[in-house]
């Protein structure tokens, strides 16, 4: 009975570490959150990867954890869009700019989580990346329009855009 209990406790720890990892937390944060030494977290992650790649039931459980985290990201994005709507009503362009950047950051974090999970097909990841890039371009275009309409915040918007873009941002002064 003691061996069975040890296995159950070990699997519970593996699940906790894997859940943290799938939420996008790095090893240091997982160690802090779960109050575990780094070596133990790394060993549990290795166990999880091994089990996940060899066991359909565990892979399904990991997918469920991944779906839960993905839904959490979606909820955060919905809330951020509410901030954008609110900032439109109050004409708070600073809050709107910050919220738009936050959406891009959340999407980036979500893709990183999906990539780290390693459980998705390359085609699925490619589709997610393409969709995120499309959304990012829409958000960049919105910010460009705002900066053209409101030249007083143009410099701030361009500075923030340069943080997420590799190329130069050009906004018509017309």
N, C-alpha and C. Protein backbone atom coordinates (compact mmCIF):
# COMPACT_ATOMS: atom_id res chain seq x y z
N UNK A 1 0.81 -1.19 0.00
CA UNK A 1 0.00 0.00 0.00
C UNK A 1 0.86 1.26 0.00
N UNK A 2 1.97 1.24 0.71
CA UNK A 2 2.86 2.39 0.80
C UNK A 2 3.44 2.76 -0.56
N UNK A 3 3.78 1.74 -1.37
CA UNK A 3 4.31 2.01 -2.71
C UNK A 3 3.26 2.67 -3.59
N UNK A 4 2.04 2.21 -3.48
CA UNK A 4 0.96 2.81 -4.26
C UNK A 4 0.75 4.27 -3.86
N UNK A 5 0.80 4.54 -2.58
CA UNK A 5 0.65 5.91 -2.10
C UNK A 5 1.81 6.79 -2.58
N UNK A 6 3.02 6.24 -2.58
CA UNK A 6 4.18 6.98 -3.09
C UNK A 6 4.00 7.33 -4.57
N UNK A 7 3.50 6.39 -5.34
CA UNK A 7 3.28 6.63 -6.77
C UNK A 7 2.22 7.71 -6.96
N UNK A 8 1.15 7.64 -6.20
CA UNK A 8 0.08 8.64 -6.30
C UNK A 8 0.62 10.02 -5.94
N UNK A 9 1.38 10.10 -4.86
CA UNK A 9 1.96 11.39 -4.45
C UNK A 9 2.93 11.92 -5.51
N UNK A 10 3.72 11.03 -6.08
CA UNK A 10 4.67 11.44 -7.12
C UNK A 10 3.91 11.97 -8.35
N UNK A 11 2.89 11.26 -8.77
CA UNK A 11 2.11 11.70 -9.93
C UNK A 11 1.40 13.03 -9.65
N UNK A 12 0.96 13.22 -8.41
CA UNK A 12 0.35 14.48 -8.05
C UNK A 12 1.36 15.63 -8.17
N UNK A 13 2.58 15.41 -7.72
CA UNK A 13 3.63 16.43 -7.85
C UNK A 13 3.97 16.69 -9.32
N UNK A 14 4.04 15.62 -10.10
CA UNK A 14 4.31 15.76 -11.53
C UNK A 14 3.23 16.62 -12.17
N UNK A 15 1.98 16.36 -11.81
CA UNK A 15 0.85 17.13 -12.36
C UNK A 15 0.93 18.60 -11.97
N UNK A 16 1.27 18.88 -10.72
CA UNK A 16 1.39 20.27 -10.27
C UNK A 16 2.47 21.01 -11.04
N UNK A 17 3.63 20.37 -11.18
CA UNK A 17 4.75 21.00 -11.90
C UNK A 17 4.38 21.19 -13.37
N UNK A 18 3.78 20.18 -13.99
CA UNK A 18 3.40 20.28 -15.40
C UNK A 18 2.36 21.38 -15.61
N UNK A 19 1.42 21.51 -14.70
CA UNK A 19 0.40 22.56 -14.82
C UNK A 19 1.04 23.94 -14.78
N UNK A 20 1.97 24.14 -13.85
CA UNK A 20 2.68 25.42 -13.77
C UNK A 20 3.46 25.68 -15.06
N UNK A 21 4.11 24.65 -15.54
CA UNK A 21 4.93 24.77 -16.75
C UNK A 21 4.06 25.11 -17.96
N UNK A 22 2.92 24.47 -18.07
CA UNK A 22 2.03 24.71 -19.19
C UNK A 22 1.38 26.10 -19.12
N UNK A 23 1.35 26.70 -17.95
CA UNK A 23 0.84 28.06 -17.83
C UNK A 23 1.89 29.08 -18.27
N UNK A 24 3.08 28.58 -18.64
CA UNK A 24 4.11 29.47 -19.13
C UNK A 24 5.13 29.90 -18.08
N UNK A 25 5.04 29.35 -16.89
CA UNK A 25 5.98 29.72 -15.84
C UNK A 25 7.34 29.04 -16.09
N UNK A 26 8.40 29.78 -15.82
CA UNK A 26 9.72 29.18 -15.97
C UNK A 26 10.08 28.41 -14.70
N UNK A 27 11.20 27.72 -14.75
CA UNK A 27 11.59 26.82 -13.67
C UNK A 27 11.68 27.56 -12.33
N UNK A 28 12.27 28.75 -12.33
CA UNK A 28 12.43 29.51 -11.08
C UNK A 28 11.09 29.83 -10.44
N UNK A 29 10.15 30.24 -11.27
CA UNK A 29 8.81 30.58 -10.74
C UNK A 29 8.12 29.33 -10.22
N UNK A 30 8.26 28.22 -10.93
CA UNK A 30 7.66 26.97 -10.47
C UNK A 30 8.24 26.58 -9.11
N UNK A 31 9.55 26.69 -8.97
CA UNK A 31 10.20 26.37 -7.69
C UNK A 31 9.62 27.22 -6.56
N UNK A 32 9.46 28.51 -6.82
CA UNK A 32 8.92 29.42 -5.81
C UNK A 32 7.46 29.10 -5.51
N UNK A 33 6.66 28.94 -6.56
CA UNK A 33 5.22 28.69 -6.36
C UNK A 33 4.95 27.40 -5.60
N UNK A 34 5.73 26.38 -5.88
CA UNK A 34 5.48 25.07 -5.28
C UNK A 34 6.42 24.78 -4.10
N UNK A 35 7.31 25.73 -3.80
CA UNK A 35 8.25 25.57 -2.70
C UNK A 35 9.05 24.27 -2.83
N UNK A 36 9.65 24.08 -4.01
CA UNK A 36 10.44 22.89 -4.31
C UNK A 36 11.83 23.29 -4.79
N UNK A 37 12.82 22.45 -4.50
CA UNK A 37 14.15 22.75 -5.04
C UNK A 37 14.17 22.57 -6.56
N UNK A 38 15.05 23.31 -7.19
CA UNK A 38 15.17 23.30 -8.65
C UNK A 38 15.40 21.88 -9.19
N UNK A 39 16.27 21.12 -8.54
CA UNK A 39 16.57 19.77 -9.02
C UNK A 39 15.33 18.88 -9.03
N UNK A 40 14.47 19.05 -8.03
CA UNK A 40 13.25 18.24 -7.96
C UNK A 40 12.28 18.65 -9.06
N UNK A 41 12.13 19.96 -9.29
CA UNK A 41 11.25 20.45 -10.34
C UNK A 41 11.72 19.93 -11.70
N UNK A 42 13.02 20.01 -11.95
CA UNK A 42 13.56 19.53 -13.23
C UNK A 42 13.32 18.03 -13.40
N UNK A 43 13.52 17.27 -12.33
CA UNK A 43 13.28 15.82 -12.40
C UNK A 43 11.81 15.51 -12.66
N UNK A 44 10.92 16.24 -11.99
CA UNK A 44 9.48 16.03 -12.19
C UNK A 44 9.05 16.41 -13.61
N UNK A 45 9.64 17.48 -14.14
CA UNK A 45 9.34 17.86 -15.53
C UNK A 45 9.82 16.79 -16.50
N UNK A 46 11.00 16.25 -16.26
CA UNK A 46 11.51 15.16 -17.11
C UNK A 46 10.59 13.95 -17.05
N UNK A 47 10.12 13.62 -15.83
CA UNK A 47 9.17 12.51 -15.68
C UNK A 47 7.89 12.78 -16.47
N UNK A 48 7.39 14.00 -16.35
CA UNK A 48 6.16 14.36 -17.06
C UNK A 48 6.35 14.23 -18.56
N UNK A 49 7.44 14.76 -19.08
CA UNK A 49 7.70 14.67 -20.52
C UNK A 49 7.77 13.21 -20.97
N UNK A 50 8.43 12.41 -20.20
CA UNK A 50 8.55 10.99 -20.55
C UNK A 50 7.19 10.30 -20.51
N UNK A 51 6.44 10.55 -19.45
CA UNK A 51 5.12 9.92 -19.34
C UNK A 51 4.17 10.44 -20.41
N UNK A 52 4.21 11.73 -20.65
CA UNK A 52 3.30 12.32 -21.63
C UNK A 52 3.55 11.79 -23.02
N UNK A 53 4.80 11.54 -23.34
CA UNK A 53 5.11 11.05 -24.68
C UNK A 53 4.80 9.56 -24.83
N UNK A 54 4.65 8.85 -23.72
CA UNK A 54 4.44 7.41 -23.79
C UNK A 54 3.06 6.94 -23.34
N UNK A 55 2.23 7.84 -22.86
CA UNK A 55 0.96 7.42 -22.29
C UNK A 55 -0.16 8.31 -22.80
N UNK A 56 -1.11 7.70 -23.49
CA UNK A 56 -2.22 8.46 -24.06
C UNK A 56 -3.09 9.14 -23.00
N UNK A 57 -3.32 8.47 -21.88
CA UNK A 57 -4.17 9.05 -20.84
C UNK A 57 -3.51 10.30 -20.25
N UNK A 58 -2.23 10.24 -20.01
CA UNK A 58 -1.52 11.39 -19.45
C UNK A 58 -1.43 12.50 -20.49
N UNK A 59 -1.23 12.13 -21.74
CA UNK A 59 -1.22 13.16 -22.79
C UNK A 59 -2.55 13.88 -22.85
N UNK A 60 -3.63 13.13 -22.69
CA UNK A 60 -4.96 13.74 -22.70
C UNK A 60 -5.13 14.67 -21.50
N UNK A 61 -4.64 14.25 -20.34
CA UNK A 61 -4.73 15.09 -19.14
C UNK A 61 -3.92 16.37 -19.32
N UNK A 62 -2.76 16.24 -19.93
CA UNK A 62 -1.93 17.42 -20.20
C UNK A 62 -2.63 18.35 -21.18
N UNK A 63 -3.28 17.77 -22.17
CA UNK A 63 -4.04 18.59 -23.12
C UNK A 63 -5.16 19.34 -22.41
N UNK A 64 -5.81 18.68 -21.46
CA UNK A 64 -6.88 19.34 -20.71
C UNK A 64 -6.33 20.52 -19.91
N UNK A 65 -5.16 20.33 -19.29
CA UNK A 65 -4.53 21.43 -18.56
C UNK A 65 -4.17 22.57 -19.52
N UNK A 66 -3.70 22.19 -20.68
CA UNK A 66 -3.34 23.18 -21.70
C UNK A 66 -4.58 23.95 -22.16
N UNK A 67 -5.68 23.24 -22.36
CA UNK A 67 -6.92 23.89 -22.78
C UNK A 67 -7.39 24.86 -21.69
N UNK A 68 -7.28 24.44 -20.43
CA UNK A 68 -7.66 25.32 -19.33
C UNK A 68 -6.84 26.60 -19.31
N UNK A 69 -5.55 26.46 -19.50
CA UNK A 69 -4.67 27.64 -19.54
C UNK A 69 -5.01 28.51 -20.75
N UNK A 70 -5.29 27.88 -21.87
CA UNK A 70 -5.64 28.62 -23.08
C UNK A 70 -6.95 29.40 -22.87
N UNK A 71 -7.91 28.79 -22.19
CA UNK A 71 -9.16 29.48 -21.89
C UNK A 71 -8.92 30.67 -20.96
N UNK A 72 -7.98 30.50 -20.04
CA UNK A 72 -7.62 31.59 -19.14
C UNK A 72 -7.05 32.77 -19.93
N UNK A 73 -6.17 32.47 -20.89
CA UNK A 73 -5.62 33.53 -21.74
C UNK A 73 -6.75 34.23 -22.52
N UNK A 74 -7.70 33.45 -23.02
CA UNK A 74 -8.82 34.05 -23.75
C UNK A 74 -9.63 34.98 -22.86
N UNK A 75 -9.85 34.58 -21.61
CA UNK A 75 -10.59 35.42 -20.67
C UNK A 75 -9.83 36.72 -20.41
N UNK A 76 -8.51 36.62 -20.27
CA UNK A 76 -7.71 37.83 -20.06
C UNK A 76 -7.81 38.77 -21.26
N UNK A 77 -7.80 38.21 -22.44
CA UNK A 77 -7.90 39.02 -23.66
C UNK A 77 -9.27 39.69 -23.72
N UNK A 78 -10.35 38.96 -23.38
CA UNK A 78 -11.69 39.56 -23.37
C UNK A 78 -11.75 40.73 -22.39
N UNK A 79 -11.17 40.55 -21.21
CA UNK A 79 -11.16 41.63 -20.22
C UNK A 79 -10.37 42.83 -20.75
N UNK A 80 -9.30 42.57 -21.46
CA UNK A 80 -8.48 43.66 -21.99
C UNK A 80 -9.25 44.41 -23.07
N UNK A 81 -10.03 43.71 -23.87
CA UNK A 81 -10.88 44.40 -24.85
C UNK A 81 -11.91 45.28 -24.15
N UNK A 82 -12.38 44.84 -22.98
CA UNK A 82 -13.30 45.68 -22.21
C UNK A 82 -12.62 46.98 -21.79
N UNK A 83 -11.34 46.88 -21.43
CA UNK A 83 -10.58 48.08 -21.07
C UNK A 83 -10.47 49.01 -22.28
N UNK A 84 -10.25 48.43 -23.46
CA UNK A 84 -10.17 49.23 -24.68
C UNK A 84 -11.49 49.96 -24.92
N UNK A 85 -12.61 49.23 -24.79
CA UNK A 85 -13.92 49.86 -24.99
C UNK A 85 -14.14 50.98 -23.98
N UNK A 86 -13.79 50.73 -22.74
CA UNK A 86 -13.94 51.74 -21.70
C UNK A 86 -13.07 52.96 -21.98
N UNK A 87 -11.85 52.72 -22.43
CA UNK A 87 -10.95 53.84 -22.72
C UNK A 87 -11.44 54.64 -23.94
N UNK A 88 -12.14 53.97 -24.85
CA UNK A 88 -12.75 54.69 -25.97
C UNK A 88 -13.82 55.65 -25.48
N UNK A 89 -14.63 55.18 -24.54
CA UNK A 89 -15.72 56.00 -24.02
C UNK A 89 -15.20 57.21 -23.25
N UNK A 90 -14.10 57.03 -22.55
CA UNK A 90 -13.55 58.12 -21.73
C UNK A 90 -12.45 58.88 -22.46
N UNK A 91 -12.17 58.46 -23.70
CA UNK A 91 -11.13 59.09 -24.52
C UNK A 91 -9.76 59.04 -23.85
N UNK A 92 -9.47 57.92 -23.18
CA UNK A 92 -8.20 57.72 -22.50
C UNK A 92 -7.27 56.93 -23.42
N UNK A 93 -6.54 57.65 -24.25
CA UNK A 93 -5.70 57.02 -25.26
C UNK A 93 -4.52 56.27 -24.66
N UNK A 94 -4.03 56.72 -23.55
CA UNK A 94 -2.92 56.04 -22.88
C UNK A 94 -3.33 54.64 -22.44
N UNK A 95 -4.51 54.55 -21.83
CA UNK A 95 -5.01 53.24 -21.39
C UNK A 95 -5.28 52.34 -22.58
N UNK A 96 -5.78 52.92 -23.66
CA UNK A 96 -6.07 52.14 -24.86
C UNK A 96 -4.78 51.58 -25.46
N UNK A 97 -3.76 52.41 -25.56
CA UNK A 97 -2.48 51.98 -26.10
C UNK A 97 -1.89 50.86 -25.25
N UNK A 98 -1.93 51.02 -23.95
CA UNK A 98 -1.40 50.01 -23.03
C UNK A 98 -2.18 48.70 -23.17
N UNK A 99 -3.48 48.78 -23.28
CA UNK A 99 -4.32 47.58 -23.41
C UNK A 99 -4.05 46.85 -24.71
N UNK A 100 -3.85 47.59 -25.78
CA UNK A 100 -3.57 46.96 -27.08
C UNK A 100 -2.24 46.22 -27.01
N UNK A 101 -1.25 46.83 -26.40
CA UNK A 101 0.04 46.16 -26.25
C UNK A 101 -0.10 44.92 -25.37
N UNK A 102 -0.92 45.02 -24.32
CA UNK A 102 -1.14 43.89 -23.43
C UNK A 102 -1.74 42.71 -24.18
N UNK A 103 -2.66 42.98 -25.09
CA UNK A 103 -3.25 41.89 -25.88
C UNK A 103 -2.16 41.19 -26.69
N UNK A 104 -1.29 41.96 -27.32
CA UNK A 104 -0.20 41.35 -28.09
C UNK A 104 0.70 40.53 -27.18
N UNK A 105 0.97 41.03 -25.98
CA UNK A 105 1.82 40.29 -25.03
C UNK A 105 1.16 38.99 -24.58
N UNK A 106 -0.14 39.05 -24.31
CA UNK A 106 -0.87 37.86 -23.87
C UNK A 106 -0.87 36.81 -24.98
N UNK A 107 -1.11 37.23 -26.20
CA UNK A 107 -1.09 36.29 -27.33
C UNK A 107 0.29 35.66 -27.48
N UNK A 108 1.32 36.46 -27.30
CA UNK A 108 2.67 35.94 -27.39
C UNK A 108 2.93 34.90 -26.30
N UNK A 109 2.49 35.20 -25.09
CA UNK A 109 2.65 34.27 -23.98
C UNK A 109 1.87 32.97 -24.23
N UNK A 110 0.69 33.11 -24.82
CA UNK A 110 -0.11 31.92 -25.12
C UNK A 110 0.60 31.03 -26.14
N UNK A 111 1.13 31.64 -27.18
CA UNK A 111 1.86 30.85 -28.19
C UNK A 111 3.09 30.19 -27.59
N UNK A 112 3.77 30.89 -26.71
CA UNK A 112 4.93 30.31 -26.05
C UNK A 112 4.52 29.09 -25.23
N UNK A 113 3.39 29.20 -24.53
CA UNK A 113 2.89 28.08 -23.75
C UNK A 113 2.57 26.89 -24.66
N UNK A 114 1.90 27.16 -25.77
CA UNK A 114 1.55 26.07 -26.69
C UNK A 114 2.80 25.42 -27.27
N UNK A 115 3.78 26.25 -27.56
CA UNK A 115 5.03 25.72 -28.11
C UNK A 115 5.76 24.87 -27.06
N UNK A 116 5.82 25.37 -25.82
CA UNK A 116 6.49 24.63 -24.75
C UNK A 116 5.82 23.29 -24.50
N UNK A 117 4.51 23.25 -24.65
CA UNK A 117 3.78 22.03 -24.37
C UNK A 117 4.24 20.90 -25.28
N UNK A 118 4.59 21.24 -26.51
CA UNK A 118 5.09 20.22 -27.43
C UNK A 118 4.08 19.14 -27.77
N UNK A 119 2.83 19.38 -27.44
CA UNK A 119 1.81 18.37 -27.69
C UNK A 119 0.98 18.66 -28.93
N UNK A 120 1.19 19.81 -29.53
CA UNK A 120 0.41 20.19 -30.70
C UNK A 120 1.18 19.86 -31.97
N UNK A 121 0.45 19.58 -33.00
CA UNK A 121 1.06 19.34 -34.29
C UNK A 121 1.63 20.65 -34.84
N UNK A 122 2.66 20.54 -35.65
CA UNK A 122 3.26 21.73 -36.25
C UNK A 122 2.23 22.54 -37.04
N UNK A 123 1.30 21.85 -37.69
CA UNK A 123 0.28 22.55 -38.47
C UNK A 123 -0.57 23.43 -37.56
N UNK A 124 -0.94 22.89 -36.39
CA UNK A 124 -1.75 23.66 -35.45
C UNK A 124 -0.98 24.88 -34.96
N UNK A 125 0.28 24.71 -34.65
CA UNK A 125 1.11 25.82 -34.18
C UNK A 125 1.24 26.86 -35.28
N UNK A 126 1.46 26.42 -36.49
CA UNK A 126 1.61 27.35 -37.62
C UNK A 126 0.32 28.16 -37.81
N UNK A 127 -0.84 27.51 -37.68
CA UNK A 127 -2.11 28.21 -37.81
C UNK A 127 -2.29 29.22 -36.68
N UNK A 128 -1.91 28.84 -35.46
CA UNK A 128 -2.00 29.76 -34.32
C UNK A 128 -1.10 30.97 -34.53
N UNK A 129 0.11 30.72 -34.99
CA UNK A 129 1.06 31.81 -35.23
C UNK A 129 0.53 32.74 -36.30
N UNK A 130 0.02 32.17 -37.38
CA UNK A 130 -0.51 33.00 -38.47
C UNK A 130 -1.67 33.87 -37.98
N UNK A 131 -2.56 33.29 -37.19
CA UNK A 131 -3.70 34.04 -36.66
C UNK A 131 -3.23 35.15 -35.71
N UNK A 132 -2.27 34.85 -34.87
CA UNK A 132 -1.74 35.85 -33.95
C UNK A 132 -1.04 36.97 -34.70
N UNK A 133 -0.29 36.62 -35.73
CA UNK A 133 0.38 37.65 -36.53
C UNK A 133 -0.65 38.54 -37.22
N UNK A 134 -1.74 37.95 -37.68
CA UNK A 134 -2.80 38.74 -38.31
C UNK A 134 -3.42 39.70 -37.29
N UNK A 135 -3.71 39.20 -36.09
CA UNK A 135 -4.28 40.04 -35.04
C UNK A 135 -3.31 41.15 -34.65
N UNK A 136 -2.03 40.80 -34.56
CA UNK A 136 -1.03 41.80 -34.21
C UNK A 136 -1.00 42.91 -35.26
N UNK A 137 -1.09 42.54 -36.52
CA UNK A 137 -1.06 43.55 -37.58
C UNK A 137 -2.29 44.45 -37.51
N UNK A 138 -3.44 43.88 -37.18
CA UNK A 138 -4.65 44.68 -37.02
C UNK A 138 -4.46 45.67 -35.87
N UNK A 139 -3.91 45.20 -34.77
CA UNK A 139 -3.68 46.09 -33.63
C UNK A 139 -2.67 47.18 -33.96
N UNK A 140 -1.64 46.85 -34.69
CA UNK A 140 -0.65 47.85 -35.11
C UNK A 140 -1.30 48.89 -36.00
N UNK A 141 -2.14 48.44 -36.92
CA UNK A 141 -2.84 49.39 -37.80
C UNK A 141 -3.76 50.33 -37.00
N UNK A 142 -4.43 49.79 -35.99
CA UNK A 142 -5.27 50.62 -35.14
C UNK A 142 -4.42 51.69 -34.45
N UNK A 143 -3.29 51.26 -33.92
CA UNK A 143 -2.41 52.22 -33.24
C UNK A 143 -1.88 53.28 -34.21
N UNK A 144 -1.59 52.88 -35.43
CA UNK A 144 -1.13 53.85 -36.43
C UNK A 144 -2.22 54.88 -36.73
N UNK A 145 -3.46 54.39 -36.84
CA UNK A 145 -4.58 55.30 -37.09
C UNK A 145 -4.75 56.28 -35.93
N UNK A 146 -4.66 55.77 -34.71
CA UNK A 146 -4.80 56.63 -33.53
C UNK A 146 -3.68 57.67 -33.51
N UNK A 147 -2.46 57.24 -33.82
CA UNK A 147 -1.35 58.19 -33.78
C UNK A 147 -1.48 59.26 -34.85
N UNK A 148 -2.13 58.94 -35.96
CA UNK A 148 -2.36 59.94 -37.00
C UNK A 148 -3.45 60.92 -36.55
N UNK A 149 -4.49 60.40 -35.91
CA UNK A 149 -5.59 61.23 -35.43
C UNK A 149 -5.19 62.13 -34.26
N UNK A 150 -4.31 61.60 -33.41
CA UNK A 150 -3.91 62.32 -32.19
C UNK A 150 -2.39 62.47 -32.16
N UNK A 151 -1.86 63.47 -32.84
CA UNK A 151 -0.41 63.64 -32.94
C UNK A 151 0.28 63.85 -31.59
N UNK A 152 -0.47 64.28 -30.58
CA UNK A 152 0.14 64.52 -29.27
C UNK A 152 0.63 63.23 -28.60
N UNK A 153 0.09 62.08 -28.99
CA UNK A 153 0.56 60.81 -28.42
C UNK A 153 1.30 59.96 -29.44
N UNK A 154 1.55 60.52 -30.61
CA UNK A 154 2.19 59.78 -31.69
C UNK A 154 3.55 59.21 -31.26
N UNK A 155 4.38 60.03 -30.64
CA UNK A 155 5.71 59.58 -30.25
C UNK A 155 5.63 58.41 -29.26
N UNK A 156 4.72 58.50 -28.31
CA UNK A 156 4.58 57.43 -27.32
C UNK A 156 4.13 56.11 -27.99
N UNK A 157 3.18 56.22 -28.90
CA UNK A 157 2.71 55.03 -29.61
C UNK A 157 3.84 54.42 -30.43
N UNK A 158 4.57 55.24 -31.13
CA UNK A 158 5.65 54.73 -31.97
C UNK A 158 6.75 54.07 -31.12
N UNK A 159 7.01 54.64 -29.96
CA UNK A 159 8.00 54.05 -29.06
C UNK A 159 7.53 52.68 -28.60
N UNK A 160 6.27 52.58 -28.22
CA UNK A 160 5.73 51.30 -27.76
C UNK A 160 5.67 50.28 -28.89
N UNK A 161 5.32 50.73 -30.09
CA UNK A 161 5.29 49.81 -31.24
C UNK A 161 6.68 49.28 -31.56
N UNK A 162 7.67 50.12 -31.40
CA UNK A 162 9.03 49.68 -31.72
C UNK A 162 9.48 48.56 -30.79
N UNK A 163 8.84 48.46 -29.62
CA UNK A 163 9.17 47.38 -28.69
C UNK A 163 8.73 46.01 -29.22
N UNK A 164 7.69 45.99 -30.04
CA UNK A 164 7.17 44.71 -30.51
C UNK A 164 7.45 44.44 -31.98
N UNK A 165 7.93 45.44 -32.69
CA UNK A 165 8.21 45.26 -34.10
C UNK A 165 9.70 45.30 -34.35
N UNK A 166 10.13 44.55 -35.37
CA UNK A 166 11.54 44.55 -35.72
C UNK A 166 11.87 45.63 -36.75
N UNK A 167 10.89 45.96 -37.58
CA UNK A 167 11.12 46.95 -38.62
C UNK A 167 10.71 48.33 -38.17
N UNK A 168 10.96 49.30 -39.02
CA UNK A 168 10.60 50.68 -38.73
C UNK A 168 9.10 50.87 -38.94
N UNK A 169 8.50 51.65 -38.07
CA UNK A 169 7.07 51.95 -38.18
C UNK A 169 6.94 53.29 -38.88
N UNK A 170 6.15 53.33 -39.94
CA UNK A 170 5.94 54.57 -40.69
C UNK A 170 4.48 54.94 -40.57
N UNK A 171 4.22 56.17 -40.15
CA UNK A 171 2.86 56.65 -40.02
C UNK A 171 2.75 57.91 -40.86
N UNK A 172 1.73 57.95 -41.72
CA UNK A 172 1.52 59.12 -42.55
C UNK A 172 1.14 60.30 -41.67
N UNK A 173 1.72 61.44 -41.96
CA UNK A 173 1.43 62.65 -41.18
C UNK A 173 0.18 63.35 -41.69
N UNK A 174 -0.42 62.86 -42.75
CA UNK A 174 -1.60 63.50 -43.35
C UNK A 174 -2.78 63.42 -42.45
